[in-house]
Amino acid sequence: MAALFTGKVLMGNRERDEVETERELGLALENKVLLLYFGSGQCPRCRQFSPILKDFFVRLTDEFYVERASQLVLVYVSRDETEEQQSAFLRSMPKRWLALPFGDAFKRELELRFSVSEVPAVVVLKPNGDVILGNAVEEIRRVGPACFRNWQEAAELVDRNFLLAEDFEEWSRRSVTDPIRRLKYKLEKKWEKNKGRKEEAEEAP
């Protein structure tokens, strides 16, 4: 999927950080279902749909709702009229969203490539860039987070549970697997501590 954005720049939501190197893009996009959200904070239809998409994304990626975030990434492709409007819209959306910089000419290329003529539109892509769904707006409205399972199967994602331990180091520092690894570490430490206490009790006269 990083190939789609090779030589391009993506912005972290509400941050000035740019995600542009091949390695950074690989970490952000590899082995994930990619949603391209074409929208605008001023469009009435988008204002109705954006909260639904926000809830959809949060329920699949926020540890408050799920033990392990789904392999999902979203890139916002703006039709906002000004950079201030784009920034204001993104501030109300999840921090994990990425965005094409305002005014980037690549926006038009994406619109033509995926036949986007009106907004809102959500293009669902496999990691290799193949289209799973040309516009998932109605499916997201109707089915909600449950539709991600079908996309995941269609994308043939590699389950992170089967990655070798050393492979985890290649994921972003903010990887959603971090809380799980920390919990496992705590459980192992607790087990070792309890084992030590038991051995001490057995050795005591």
C-alpha atoms as a PDB file:
ATOM      1  CA  MET A   1       0.000   0.000   0.000  1.00  0.00           C
ATOM      2  CA  ALA A   2       2.921   2.325   0.653  1.00  0.00           C
ATOM      3  CA  ALA A   3       3.549   2.178  -3.105  1.00  0.00           C
ATOM      4  CA  LEU A   4       0.395   4.248  -3.653  1.00  0.00           C
ATOM      5  CA  PHE A   5       1.992   7.078  -1.691  1.00  0.00           C
ATOM      6  CA  THR A   6       5.597   6.638  -2.806  1.00  0.00           C
ATOM      7  CA  GLY A   7       7.171  10.069  -3.082  1.00  0.00           C
ATOM      8  CA  LYS A   8       4.135  11.657  -1.439  1.00  0.00           C
ATOM      9  CA  VAL A   9       3.625  13.154   2.008  1.00  0.00           C
ATOM     10  CA  LEU A  10       0.994  12.243   4.574  1.00  0.00           C
ATOM     11  CA  MET A  11       0.340  14.266   7.706  1.00  0.00           C
ATOM     12  CA  GLY A  12      -0.422  12.991  11.174  1.00  0.00           C
ATOM     13  CA  ASN A  13      -3.759  14.339  12.376  1.00  0.00           C
ATOM     14  CA  ARG A  14      -3.383  17.440  14.572  1.00  0.00           C
ATOM     15  CA  GLU A  15       0.385  17.124  14.301  1.00  0.00           C
ATOM     16  CA  ARG A  16       2.914  18.675  11.988  1.00  0.00           C
ATOM     17  CA  ASP A  17       4.689  15.341  11.656  1.00  0.00           C
ATOM     18  CA  GLU A  18       5.083  14.174   8.093  1.00  0.00           C
ATOM     19  CA  VAL A  19       4.945  10.492   7.208  1.00  0.00           C
ATOM     20  CA  GLU A  20       6.918  10.402   4.020  1.00  0.00           C
ATOM     21  CA  THR A  21       9.883   8.038   4.045  1.00  0.00           C
ATOM     22  CA  GLU A  22       9.447   4.607   2.550  1.00  0.00           C
ATOM     23  CA  ARG A  23       9.988   2.963   5.939  1.00  0.00           C
ATOM     24  CA  GLU A  24       7.520   5.245   7.737  1.00  0.00           C
ATOM     25  CA  LEU A  25       4.887   4.684   5.096  1.00  0.00           C
ATOM     26  CA  GLY A  26       5.492   0.962   5.272  1.00  0.00           C
ATOM     27  CA  LEU A  27       4.978   0.975   9.031  1.00  0.00           C
ATOM     28  CA  ALA A  28       1.833   3.086   8.764  1.00  0.00           C
ATOM     29  CA  LEU A  29       0.165   1.283   5.853  1.00  0.00           C
ATOM     30  CA  GLU A  30       1.610  -2.224   5.497  1.00  0.00           C
ATOM     31  CA  ASN A  31      -0.658  -5.225   6.091  1.00  0.00           C
ATOM     32  CA  LYS A  32      -3.697  -3.036   6.744  1.00  0.00           C
ATOM     33  CA  VAL A  33      -7.005  -2.259   5.090  1.00  0.00           C
ATOM     34  CA  LEU A  34      -6.781   1.335   3.866  1.00  0.00           C
ATOM     35  CA  LEU A  35      -9.737   3.691   3.817  1.00  0.00           C
ATOM     36  CA  LEU A  36      -9.482   6.795   1.659  1.00  0.00           C
ATOM     37  CA  TYR A  37     -12.060   9.246   2.968  1.00  0.00           C
ATOM     38  CA  PHE A  38     -12.949  11.939   0.468  1.00  0.00           C
ATOM     39  CA  GLY A  39     -14.910  14.571   2.309  1.00  0.00           C
ATOM     40  CA  SER A  40     -15.331  18.120   3.514  1.00  0.00           C
ATOM     41  CA  GLY A  41     -16.189  19.706   6.824  1.00  0.00           C
ATOM     42  CA  GLN A  42     -18.576  22.078   5.052  1.00  0.00           C
ATOM     43  CA  CYS A  43     -20.512  19.543   2.967  1.00  0.00           C
ATOM     44  CA  PRO A  44     -23.943  18.866   4.576  1.00  0.00           C
ATOM     45  CA  ARG A  45     -23.860  15.161   3.629  1.00  0.00           C
ATOM     46  CA  CYS A  46     -20.328  14.878   5.025  1.00  0.00           C
ATOM     47  CA  ARG A  47     -21.378  16.552   8.270  1.00  0.00           C
ATOM     48  CA  GLN A  48     -24.022  13.847   8.642  1.00  0.00           C
ATOM     49  CA  PHE A  49     -21.686  10.984   7.752  1.00  0.00           C
ATOM     50  CA  SER A  50     -18.402  12.027   9.425  1.00  0.00           C
ATOM     51  CA  PRO A  51     -19.588  11.303  13.002  1.00  0.00           C
ATOM     52  CA  ILE A  52     -20.689   7.839  11.842  1.00  0.00           C
ATOM     53  CA  LEU A  53     -17.282   7.211  10.265  1.00  0.00           C
ATOM     54  CA  LYS A  54     -15.549   8.528  13.379  1.00  0.00           C
ATOM     55  CA  ASP A  55     -17.492   6.115  15.602  1.00  0.00           C
ATOM     56  CA  PHE A  56     -16.856   3.284  13.116  1.00  0.00           C
ATOM     57  CA  PHE A  57     -13.092   3.914  13.188  1.00  0.00           C
ATOM     58  CA  VAL A  58     -12.858   4.377  16.970  1.00  0.00           C
ATOM     59  CA  ARG A  59     -14.783   1.186  17.700  1.00  0.00           C
ATOM     60  CA  LEU A  60     -12.332  -0.771  15.569  1.00  0.00           C
ATOM     61  CA  THR A  61      -9.090   0.835  16.739  1.00  0.00           C
ATOM     62  CA  ASP A  62      -9.501   2.247  20.253  1.00  0.00           C
ATOM     63  CA  GLU A  63      -8.389  -0.032  23.112  1.00  0.00           C
ATOM     64  CA  PHE A  64     -11.406   1.182  25.096  1.00  0.00           C
ATOM     65  CA  TYR A  65     -13.585  -0.898  22.749  1.00  0.00           C
ATOM     66  CA  VAL A  66     -11.253  -3.625  21.471  1.00  0.00           C
ATOM     67  CA  GLU A  67      -8.429  -5.614  23.034  1.00  0.00           C
ATOM     68  CA  ARG A  68      -6.338  -5.287  19.892  1.00  0.00           C
ATOM     69  CA  ALA A  69      -6.917  -2.620  17.274  1.00  0.00           C
ATOM     70  CA  SER A  70      -8.017  -3.789  13.842  1.00  0.00           C
ATOM     71  CA  GLN A  71      -5.521  -3.619  11.002  1.00  0.00           C
ATOM     72  CA  LEU A  72      -7.081  -0.481   9.622  1.00  0.00           C
ATOM     73  CA  VAL A  73      -5.750   2.905   8.557  1.00  0.00           C
ATOM     74  CA  LEU A  74      -7.610   5.939   7.226  1.00  0.00           C
ATOM     75  CA  VAL A  75      -6.312   8.754   5.037  1.00  0.00           C
ATOM     76  CA  TYR A  76      -8.440  11.895   4.744  1.00  0.00           C
ATOM     77  CA  VAL A  77      -8.489  13.425   1.267  1.00  0.00           C
ATOM     78  CA  SER A  78      -9.902  16.904   1.753  1.00  0.00           C
ATOM     79  CA  ARG A  79     -12.276  18.906  -0.386  1.00  0.00           C
ATOM     80  CA  ASP A  80     -12.244  21.704   2.181  1.00  0.00           C
ATOM     81  CA  GLU A  81     -11.918  25.193   0.740  1.00  0.00           C
ATOM     82  CA  THR A  82      -9.161  26.371   3.097  1.00  0.00           C
ATOM     83  CA  GLU A  83      -6.409  24.800   5.166  1.00  0.00           C
ATOM     84  CA  GLU A  84      -8.055  26.249   8.289  1.00  0.00           C
ATOM     85  CA  GLN A  85     -11.303  24.423   7.461  1.00  0.00           C
ATOM     86  CA  GLN A  86      -9.418  21.158   6.942  1.00  0.00           C
ATOM     87  CA  SER A  87      -7.540  21.584  10.243  1.00  0.00           C
ATOM     88  CA  ALA A  88     -10.744  22.426  12.125  1.00  0.00           C
ATOM     89  CA  PHE A  89     -12.460  19.330  10.740  1.00  0.00           C
ATOM     90  CA  LEU A  90      -9.543  17.030  11.570  1.00  0.00           C
ATOM     91  CA  ARG A  91      -9.368  18.317  15.141  1.00  0.00           C
ATOM     92  CA  SER A  92     -12.798  16.750  15.684  1.00  0.00           C
ATOM     93  CA  MET A  93     -11.689  13.398  14.263  1.00  0.00           C
ATOM     94  CA  PRO A  94      -9.529  10.567  15.721  1.00  0.00           C
ATOM     95  CA  LYS A  95      -5.831  11.310  16.198  1.00  0.00           C
ATOM     96  CA  ARG A  96      -4.874   8.135  14.346  1.00  0.00           C
ATOM     97  CA  TRP A  97      -6.230   9.446  11.076  1.00  0.00           C
ATOM     98  CA  LEU A  98      -3.691  10.459   8.454  1.00  0.00           C
ATOM     99  CA  ALA A  99      -4.331  13.197   5.910  1.00  0.00           C
ATOM    100  CA  LEU A 100      -3.105  14.374   2.566  1.00  0.00           C
ATOM    101  CA  PRO A 101      -1.691  17.898   3.039  1.00  0.00           C
ATOM    102  CA  PHE A 102      -4.092  20.663   2.068  1.00  0.00           C
ATOM    103  CA  GLY A 103      -3.781  21.671  -1.575  1.00  0.00           C
ATOM    104  CA  ASP A 104      -1.751  18.606  -2.548  1.00  0.00           C
ATOM    105  CA  ALA A 105      -2.243  17.990  -6.268  1.00  0.00           C
ATOM    106  CA  PHE A 106      -2.194  14.238  -5.578  1.00  0.00           C
ATOM    107  CA  LYS A 107      -5.787  14.632  -4.379  1.00  0.00           C
ATOM    108  CA  ARG A 108      -6.996  15.055  -7.954  1.00  0.00           C
ATOM    109  CA  GLU A 109      -5.023  12.006  -9.065  1.00  0.00           C
ATOM    110  CA  LEU A 110      -6.679   9.912  -6.349  1.00  0.00           C
ATOM    111  CA  GLU A 111     -10.137  11.210  -7.303  1.00  0.00           C
ATOM    112  CA  LEU A 112      -9.577  10.227 -10.943  1.00  0.00           C
ATOM    113  CA  ARG A 113      -7.981   6.889 -10.101  1.00  0.00           C
ATOM    114  CA  PHE A 114     -10.883   5.797  -7.885  1.00  0.00           C
ATOM    115  CA  SER A 115     -13.663   7.571  -9.842  1.00  0.00           C
ATOM    116  CA  VAL A 116     -14.706   9.811  -6.959  1.00  0.00           C
ATOM    117  CA  SER A 117     -17.163  12.382  -8.270  1.00  0.00           C
ATOM    118  CA  GLU A 118     -19.004  13.382  -5.093  1.00  0.00           C
ATOM    119  CA  VAL A 119     -18.500  13.346  -1.355  1.00  0.00           C
ATOM    120  CA  PRO A 120     -18.659  11.720   1.065  1.00  0.00           C
ATOM    121  CA  ALA A 121     -16.867   8.727  -0.419  1.00  0.00           C
ATOM    122  CA  VAL A 122     -14.887   5.990   1.333  1.00  0.00           C
ATOM    123  CA  VAL A 123     -12.712   3.846  -0.931  1.00  0.00           C
ATOM    124  CA  VAL A 124     -11.655   0.556   0.697  1.00  0.00           C
ATOM    125  CA  LEU A 125      -8.315  -0.836  -0.487  1.00  0.00           C
ATOM    126  CA  LYS A 126      -6.245  -3.964   0.040  1.00  0.00           C
ATOM    127  CA  PRO A 127      -2.616  -3.567   1.169  1.00  0.00           C
ATOM    128  CA  ASN A 128      -1.531  -4.034  -2.469  1.00  0.00           C
ATOM    129  CA  GLY A 129      -3.792  -1.190  -3.625  1.00  0.00           C
ATOM    130  CA  ASP A 130      -6.558  -3.303  -5.163  1.00  0.00           C
ATOM    131  CA  VAL A 131     -10.067  -1.976  -4.565  1.00  0.00           C
ATOM    132  CA  ILE A 132     -12.277  -3.933  -2.170  1.00  0.00           C
ATOM    133  CA  LEU A 133     -15.136  -1.435  -2.339  1.00  0.00           C
ATOM    134  CA  GLY A 134     -15.433   1.668  -4.492  1.00  0.00           C
ATOM    135  CA  ASN A 135     -17.574   3.516  -1.954  1.00  0.00           C
ATOM    136  CA  ALA A 136     -18.345   2.044   1.459  1.00  0.00           C
ATOM    137  CA  VAL A 137     -20.434   4.941   2.791  1.00  0.00           C
ATOM    138  CA  GLU A 138     -23.757   3.084   2.684  1.00  0.00           C
ATOM    139  CA  GLU A 139     -22.263  -0.167   4.001  1.00  0.00           C
ATOM    140  CA  ILE A 140     -20.689   1.679   6.953  1.00  0.00           C
ATOM    141  CA  ARG A 141     -24.037   3.376   7.643  1.00  0.00           C
ATOM    142  CA  ARG A 142     -25.985   0.135   7.413  1.00  0.00           C
ATOM    143  CA  VAL A 143     -23.658  -2.494   8.917  1.00  0.00           C
ATOM    144  CA  GLY A 144     -21.242  -0.530  11.089  1.00  0.00           C
ATOM    145  CA  PRO A 145     -17.973  -2.046  12.376  1.00  0.00           C
ATOM    146  CA  ALA A 146     -19.158  -5.578  11.531  1.00  0.00           C
ATOM    147  CA  CYS A 147     -18.374  -4.955   7.848  1.00  0.00           C
ATOM    148  CA  PHE A 148     -14.647  -4.805   8.615  1.00  0.00           C
ATOM    149  CA  ARG A 149     -14.518  -8.607   8.953  1.00  0.00           C
ATOM    150  CA  ASN A 150     -15.506  -8.998   5.288  1.00  0.00           C
ATOM    151  CA  TRP A 151     -12.904  -6.437   4.233  1.00  0.00           C
ATOM    152  CA  GLN A 152     -10.248  -8.185   6.318  1.00  0.00           C
ATOM    153  CA  GLU A 153     -10.961 -11.506   4.620  1.00  0.00           C
ATOM    154  CA  ALA A 154     -10.979  -9.901   1.176  1.00  0.00           C
ATOM    155  CA  ALA A 155      -7.652  -8.173   1.914  1.00  0.00           C
ATOM    156  CA  GLU A 156      -6.044 -11.469   3.012  1.00  0.00           C
ATOM    157  CA  LEU A 157      -4.207  -9.737   5.845  1.00  0.00           C
ATOM    158  CA  VAL A 158      -1.457 -11.529   7.721  1.00  0.00           C
ATOM    159  CA  ASP A 159      -2.665 -11.898  11.311  1.00  0.00           C
ATOM    160  CA  ARG A 160      -0.249 -10.119  13.635  1.00  0.00           C
ATOM    161  CA  ASN A 161      -0.622 -12.996  16.109  1.00  0.00           C
ATOM    162  CA  PHE A 162       1.562 -15.058  13.825  1.00  0.00           C
ATOM    163  CA  LEU A 163       4.375 -12.526  13.476  1.00  0.00           C
ATOM    164  CA  LEU A 164       7.676 -13.510  15.030  1.00  0.00           C
ATOM    165  CA  ALA A 165       8.565 -11.632  18.190  1.00  0.00           C
ATOM    166  CA  GLU A 166      11.368  -9.722  16.495  1.00  0.00           C
ATOM    167  CA  ASP A 167       8.971  -8.560  13.792  1.00  0.00           C
ATOM    168  CA  PHE A 168       7.092  -6.509  16.369  1.00  0.00           C
ATOM    169  CA  GLU A 169      10.066  -4.154  16.569  1.00  0.00           C
ATOM    170  CA  GLU A 170       9.369  -3.127  12.994  1.00  0.00           C
ATOM    171  CA  TRP A 171       5.982  -1.710  13.918  1.00  0.00           C
ATOM    172  CA  SER A 172       5.511   1.883  14.972  1.00  0.00           C
ATOM    173  CA  ARG A 173       6.357   2.825  18.543  1.00  0.00           C
ATOM    174  CA  ARG A 174       2.719   3.771  18.944  1.00  0.00           C
ATOM    175  CA  SER A 175       1.698   0.300  17.798  1.00  0.00           C
ATOM    176  CA  VAL A 176      -1.515  -0.924  19.310  1.00  0.00           C
ATOM    177  CA  THR A 177       0.299  -4.129  20.299  1.00  0.00           C
ATOM    178  CA  ASP A 178       2.328  -2.233  22.892  1.00  0.00           C
ATOM    179  CA  PRO A 179      -0.318  -2.371  25.654  1.00  0.00           C
ATOM    180  CA  ILE A 180      -0.642  -6.124  25.139  1.00  0.00           C
ATOM    181  CA  ARG A 181       3.107  -6.651  25.344  1.00  0.00           C
ATOM    182  CA  ARG A 182       3.276  -4.537  28.475  1.00  0.00           C
ATOM    183  CA  LEU A 183       0.445  -6.560  30.035  1.00  0.00           C
ATOM    184  CA  LYS A 184       2.219  -9.822  29.169  1.00  0.00           C
ATOM    185  CA  TYR A 185       5.416  -8.488  30.730  1.00  0.00           C
ATOM    186  CA  LYS A 186       3.543  -7.532  33.903  1.00  0.00           C
ATOM    187  CA  LEU A 187       1.927 -10.981  34.117  1.00  0.00           C
ATOM    188  CA  GLU A 188       5.298 -12.697  33.667  1.00  0.00           C
ATOM    189  CA  LYS A 189       6.845 -10.508  36.359  1.00  0.00           C
ATOM    190  CA  LYS A 190       3.951 -11.251  38.708  1.00  0.00           C
ATOM    191  CA  TRP A 191       4.332 -14.995  38.079  1.00  0.00           C
ATOM    192  CA  GLU A 192       8.070 -14.843  38.780  1.00  0.00           C
ATOM    193  CA  LYS A 193       7.454 -12.857  41.959  1.00  0.00           C
ATOM    194  CA  ASN A 194       4.852 -15.334  43.202  1.00  0.00           C
ATOM    195  CA  LYS A 195       7.120 -18.252  42.346  1.00  0.00           C
ATOM    196  CA  GLY A 196       9.930 -16.655  44.345  1.00  0.00           C
ATOM    197  CA  ARG A 197       7.679 -16.207  47.364  1.00  0.00           C
ATOM    198  CA  LYS A 198       6.565 -19.829  47.173  1.00  0.00           C
ATOM    199  CA  GLU A 199      10.151 -21.064  47.062  1.00  0.00           C
ATOM    200  CA  GLU A 200      11.077 -18.875  50.025  1.00  0.00           C
ATOM    201  CA  ALA A 201       8.140 -20.266  52.003  1.00  0.00           C
ATOM    202  CA  GLU A 202       9.176 -23.838  51.229  1.00  0.00           C
ATOM    203  CA  GLU A 203      12.778 -23.179  52.368  1.00  0.00           C
ATOM    204  CA  ALA A 204      11.702 -21.493  55.594  1.00  0.00           C
ATOM    205  CA  PRO A 205      11.984 -23.754  58.717  1.00  0.00           C
END
